Amino acid sequence: MIQWTIRKIINGMGRVYVILDSFLKNEGGPILGLDIDDDFDNMSRKQLCQYVEAKFGWEDGEFWSLHSTSKIRVCCQIARNNKFKVKKND
C-alpha cells in the first residue's frame, strides 16, 4: 500500500513538473560540456521523448510515460551497451 501511495504522489508531482517545465525558456548551449544540436535545443520535453521513441522503435508514449529515474536508467544502459564515450569541449 505504501508503494502505491508513493507512486501516486510521484506521478502527481511529475505532472506538475512537466507543466511548470513547459513555461521555462531553454537556455540552449552545451550541457555538461556536450554541444547540443539546434534541433534538440528547440524541442519540447514531449518532442524529445517522441524522438527517442522513434529512434528506438518504441510505441508512442512508451518512453514519455516512464518516470524520470527510469528514463535515466534506460539512457545509462544504452550508453553502457554502446560503450559511448563523451569528450568534453575545451
N, C-alpha and C. Protein backbone atom coordinates (compact mmCIF):
# COMPACT_ATOMS: atom_id res chain seq x y z
N MET A 1 0.82 -1.20 0.00
CA MET A 1 0.00 0.00 0.00
C MET A 1 0.87 1.26 0.00
N ILE A 2 1.95 1.24 0.76
CA ILE A 2 2.81 2.42 0.83
C ILE A 2 3.47 2.69 -0.52
N GLN A 3 3.89 1.62 -1.21
CA GLN A 3 4.50 1.79 -2.53
C GLN A 3 3.50 2.41 -3.52
N TRP A 4 2.26 1.98 -3.46
CA TRP A 4 1.21 2.53 -4.33
C TRP A 4 1.04 4.02 -4.05
N THR A 5 0.99 4.39 -2.78
CA THR A 5 0.83 5.79 -2.39
C THR A 5 2.01 6.63 -2.87
N ILE A 6 3.21 6.11 -2.67
CA ILE A 6 4.40 6.83 -3.10
C ILE A 6 4.38 7.04 -4.61
N ARG A 7 4.03 5.99 -5.35
CA ARG A 7 3.97 6.10 -6.82
C ARG A 7 2.93 7.14 -7.27
N LYS A 8 1.80 7.18 -6.61
CA LYS A 8 0.76 8.16 -6.96
C LYS A 8 1.24 9.58 -6.68
N ILE A 9 1.91 9.78 -5.56
CA ILE A 9 2.44 11.11 -5.22
C ILE A 9 3.49 11.53 -6.24
N ILE A 10 4.41 10.62 -6.56
CA ILE A 10 5.45 10.92 -7.55
C ILE A 10 4.82 11.23 -8.90
N ASN A 11 3.82 10.47 -9.29
CA ASN A 11 3.14 10.70 -10.56
C ASN A 11 2.51 12.09 -10.59
N GLY A 12 1.86 12.48 -9.51
CA GLY A 12 1.25 13.82 -9.43
C GLY A 12 2.30 14.91 -9.48
N MET A 13 3.39 14.72 -8.76
CA MET A 13 4.48 15.70 -8.77
C MET A 13 5.09 15.79 -10.16
N GLY A 14 5.20 14.65 -10.84
CA GLY A 14 5.74 14.63 -12.20
C GLY A 14 4.90 15.43 -13.16
N ARG A 15 3.59 15.33 -13.02
CA ARG A 15 2.69 16.11 -13.88
C ARG A 15 2.86 17.60 -13.64
N VAL A 16 2.98 17.99 -12.38
CA VAL A 16 3.21 19.40 -12.04
C VAL A 16 4.54 19.86 -12.63
N TYR A 17 5.56 19.03 -12.50
CA TYR A 17 6.89 19.36 -13.05
C TYR A 17 6.81 19.60 -14.55
N VAL A 18 6.14 18.71 -15.28
CA VAL A 18 6.04 18.84 -16.74
C VAL A 18 5.32 20.13 -17.12
N ILE A 19 4.27 20.46 -16.39
CA ILE A 19 3.54 21.70 -16.67
C ILE A 19 4.42 22.91 -16.43
N LEU A 20 5.08 22.95 -15.27
CA LEU A 20 5.96 24.08 -14.97
C LEU A 20 7.13 24.17 -15.94
N ASP A 21 7.69 23.02 -16.29
CA ASP A 21 8.82 22.98 -17.21
C ASP A 21 8.46 23.55 -18.58
N SER A 22 7.21 23.39 -18.98
CA SER A 22 6.79 23.90 -20.29
C SER A 22 6.84 25.43 -20.36
N PHE A 23 6.85 26.09 -19.22
CA PHE A 23 6.91 27.55 -19.19
C PHE A 23 8.34 28.09 -19.12
N LEU A 24 9.31 27.22 -18.87
CA LEU A 24 10.70 27.65 -18.79
C LEU A 24 11.28 27.83 -20.18
N LYS A 25 12.11 28.86 -20.32
CA LYS A 25 12.81 29.08 -21.58
C LYS A 25 14.11 28.28 -21.53
N ASN A 26 14.35 27.50 -22.58
CA ASN A 26 15.57 26.72 -22.67
C ASN A 26 16.74 27.67 -22.89
N GLU A 27 17.75 27.57 -22.06
CA GLU A 27 18.90 28.45 -22.17
C GLU A 27 19.79 28.09 -23.35
N GLY A 28 19.69 26.89 -23.86
CA GLY A 28 20.47 26.46 -25.01
C GLY A 28 21.93 26.29 -24.65
N GLY A 29 22.69 25.89 -25.65
CA GLY A 29 24.12 25.72 -25.46
C GLY A 29 24.49 24.37 -24.89
N PRO A 30 25.77 24.22 -24.59
CA PRO A 30 26.29 22.93 -24.10
C PRO A 30 25.67 22.53 -22.75
N ILE A 31 25.56 21.23 -22.57
CA ILE A 31 25.12 20.65 -21.30
C ILE A 31 26.24 19.73 -20.85
N LEU A 32 26.79 20.01 -19.69
CA LEU A 32 27.91 19.24 -19.14
C LEU A 32 29.05 19.14 -20.15
N GLY A 33 29.28 20.23 -20.89
CA GLY A 33 30.36 20.27 -21.85
C GLY A 33 30.06 19.62 -23.18
N LEU A 34 28.86 19.10 -23.35
CA LEU A 34 28.46 18.45 -24.60
C LEU A 34 27.61 19.42 -25.43
N ASP A 35 28.08 19.73 -26.65
CA ASP A 35 27.29 20.60 -27.52
C ASP A 35 25.99 19.89 -27.89
N ILE A 36 24.90 20.64 -27.84
CA ILE A 36 23.58 20.11 -28.17
C ILE A 36 23.18 20.68 -29.53
N ASP A 37 22.77 19.81 -30.43
CA ASP A 37 22.35 20.25 -31.76
C ASP A 37 21.14 21.17 -31.64
N ASP A 38 21.06 22.13 -32.56
CA ASP A 38 19.99 23.13 -32.53
C ASP A 38 18.60 22.50 -32.53
N ASP A 39 18.41 21.44 -33.32
CA ASP A 39 17.07 20.84 -33.36
C ASP A 39 16.67 20.30 -31.99
N PHE A 40 17.61 19.68 -31.27
CA PHE A 40 17.30 19.21 -29.92
C PHE A 40 17.08 20.39 -28.97
N ASP A 41 17.88 21.43 -29.13
CA ASP A 41 17.75 22.62 -28.29
C ASP A 41 16.36 23.24 -28.40
N ASN A 42 15.75 23.11 -29.57
CA ASN A 42 14.45 23.74 -29.82
C ASN A 42 13.26 22.83 -29.59
N MET A 43 13.50 21.58 -29.20
CA MET A 43 12.40 20.64 -28.96
C MET A 43 11.88 20.75 -27.53
N SER A 44 10.59 20.50 -27.39
CA SER A 44 9.98 20.43 -26.06
C SER A 44 10.33 19.09 -25.43
N ARG A 45 10.04 18.96 -24.15
CA ARG A 45 10.26 17.70 -23.43
C ARG A 45 9.53 16.56 -24.14
N LYS A 46 8.30 16.79 -24.51
CA LYS A 46 7.48 15.77 -25.19
C LYS A 46 8.11 15.39 -26.54
N GLN A 47 8.55 16.40 -27.30
CA GLN A 47 9.16 16.13 -28.61
C GLN A 47 10.46 15.34 -28.46
N LEU A 48 11.23 15.64 -27.44
CA LEU A 48 12.47 14.89 -27.20
C LEU A 48 12.16 13.42 -26.91
N CYS A 49 11.13 13.19 -26.10
CA CYS A 49 10.73 11.81 -25.79
C CYS A 49 10.22 11.11 -27.05
N GLN A 50 9.48 11.82 -27.89
CA GLN A 50 8.98 11.24 -29.14
C GLN A 50 10.15 10.88 -30.07
N TYR A 51 11.18 11.71 -30.07
CA TYR A 51 12.37 11.42 -30.87
C TYR A 51 13.01 10.11 -30.40
N VAL A 52 13.18 9.97 -29.09
CA VAL A 52 13.78 8.76 -28.53
C VAL A 52 12.93 7.54 -28.88
N GLU A 53 11.62 7.68 -28.74
CA GLU A 53 10.71 6.56 -29.06
C GLU A 53 10.85 6.15 -30.53
N ALA A 54 10.90 7.12 -31.42
CA ALA A 54 11.03 6.83 -32.85
C ALA A 54 12.40 6.20 -33.15
N LYS A 55 13.45 6.74 -32.52
CA LYS A 55 14.81 6.26 -32.77
C LYS A 55 14.98 4.79 -32.38
N PHE A 56 14.32 4.38 -31.30
CA PHE A 56 14.48 3.02 -30.80
C PHE A 56 13.31 2.10 -31.15
N GLY A 57 12.37 2.62 -31.92
CA GLY A 57 11.25 1.79 -32.35
C GLY A 57 10.26 1.45 -31.25
N TRP A 58 10.18 2.32 -30.23
CA TRP A 58 9.25 2.09 -29.14
C TRP A 58 7.89 2.68 -29.49
N GLU A 59 6.85 2.19 -28.86
CA GLU A 59 5.50 2.68 -29.08
C GLU A 59 5.37 4.14 -28.67
N ASP A 60 4.44 4.87 -29.30
CA ASP A 60 4.18 6.26 -28.93
C ASP A 60 3.79 6.34 -27.46
N GLY A 61 4.45 7.23 -26.73
CA GLY A 61 4.15 7.44 -25.32
C GLY A 61 4.85 6.49 -24.38
N GLU A 62 5.53 5.49 -24.92
CA GLU A 62 6.17 4.47 -24.06
C GLU A 62 7.32 5.07 -23.24
N PHE A 63 8.20 5.84 -23.88
CA PHE A 63 9.30 6.48 -23.15
C PHE A 63 8.78 7.67 -22.36
N TRP A 64 7.88 8.44 -22.96
CA TRP A 64 7.30 9.63 -22.32
C TRP A 64 6.67 9.28 -20.98
N SER A 65 6.01 8.13 -20.90
CA SER A 65 5.26 7.78 -19.69
C SER A 65 6.13 7.21 -18.58
N LEU A 66 7.40 6.94 -18.87
CA LEU A 66 8.30 6.45 -17.81
C LEU A 66 8.58 7.55 -16.79
N HIS A 67 8.79 7.14 -15.56
CA HIS A 67 9.24 8.09 -14.55
C HIS A 67 10.67 8.51 -14.88
N SER A 68 11.06 9.67 -14.41
CA SER A 68 12.35 10.27 -14.72
C SER A 68 13.52 9.32 -14.42
N THR A 69 13.50 8.67 -13.28
CA THR A 69 14.60 7.78 -12.91
C THR A 69 14.68 6.59 -13.87
N SER A 70 13.54 6.10 -14.32
CA SER A 70 13.55 5.00 -15.30
C SER A 70 14.13 5.46 -16.63
N LYS A 71 13.83 6.70 -17.03
CA LYS A 71 14.41 7.25 -18.26
C LYS A 71 15.93 7.32 -18.14
N ILE A 72 16.41 7.75 -16.99
CA ILE A 72 17.85 7.83 -16.76
C ILE A 72 18.47 6.44 -16.82
N ARG A 73 17.82 5.45 -16.21
CA ARG A 73 18.33 4.08 -16.24
C ARG A 73 18.43 3.56 -17.67
N VAL A 74 17.40 3.82 -18.47
CA VAL A 74 17.41 3.38 -19.87
C VAL A 74 18.59 4.01 -20.60
N CYS A 75 18.77 5.31 -20.44
CA CYS A 75 19.88 6.01 -21.11
C CYS A 75 21.23 5.48 -20.64
N CYS A 76 21.37 5.22 -19.36
CA CYS A 76 22.62 4.66 -18.83
C CYS A 76 22.90 3.29 -19.43
N GLN A 77 21.87 2.47 -19.53
CA GLN A 77 22.06 1.13 -20.08
C GLN A 77 22.42 1.20 -21.56
N ILE A 78 21.78 2.10 -22.30
CA ILE A 78 22.11 2.28 -23.73
C ILE A 78 23.54 2.75 -23.87
N ALA A 79 23.94 3.71 -23.04
CA ALA A 79 25.32 4.21 -23.09
C ALA A 79 26.31 3.08 -22.79
N ARG A 80 26.01 2.27 -21.79
CA ARG A 80 26.91 1.16 -21.45
C ARG A 80 26.95 0.14 -22.57
N ASN A 81 25.79 -0.21 -23.10
CA ASN A 81 25.73 -1.21 -24.17
C ASN A 81 26.50 -0.76 -25.41
N ASN A 82 26.50 0.53 -25.67
CA ASN A 82 27.17 1.07 -26.85
C ASN A 82 28.56 1.59 -26.56
N LYS A 83 28.99 1.47 -25.32
CA LYS A 83 30.32 1.92 -24.90
C LYS A 83 30.58 3.36 -25.33
N PHE A 84 29.56 4.22 -25.15
CA PHE A 84 29.70 5.62 -25.52
C PHE A 84 30.76 6.30 -24.66
N LYS A 85 31.53 7.12 -25.29
CA LYS A 85 32.50 7.96 -24.58
C LYS A 85 32.25 9.39 -25.02
N VAL A 86 32.07 10.27 -24.07
CA VAL A 86 31.81 11.68 -24.36
C VAL A 86 33.05 12.47 -24.03
N LYS A 87 33.50 13.26 -25.01
CA LYS A 87 34.63 14.14 -24.79
C LYS A 87 34.10 15.52 -24.49
N LYS A 88 34.56 16.10 -23.40
CA LYS A 88 34.16 17.47 -23.05
C LYS A 88 34.85 18.45 -23.94
N ASN A 89 34.13 19.54 -24.25
CA ASN A 89 34.71 20.62 -25.05
C ASN A 89 35.76 21.35 -24.25
N ASP A 90 36.78 21.81 -24.91
CA ASP A 90 37.82 22.58 -24.22
C ASP A 90 37.51 24.05 -24.26
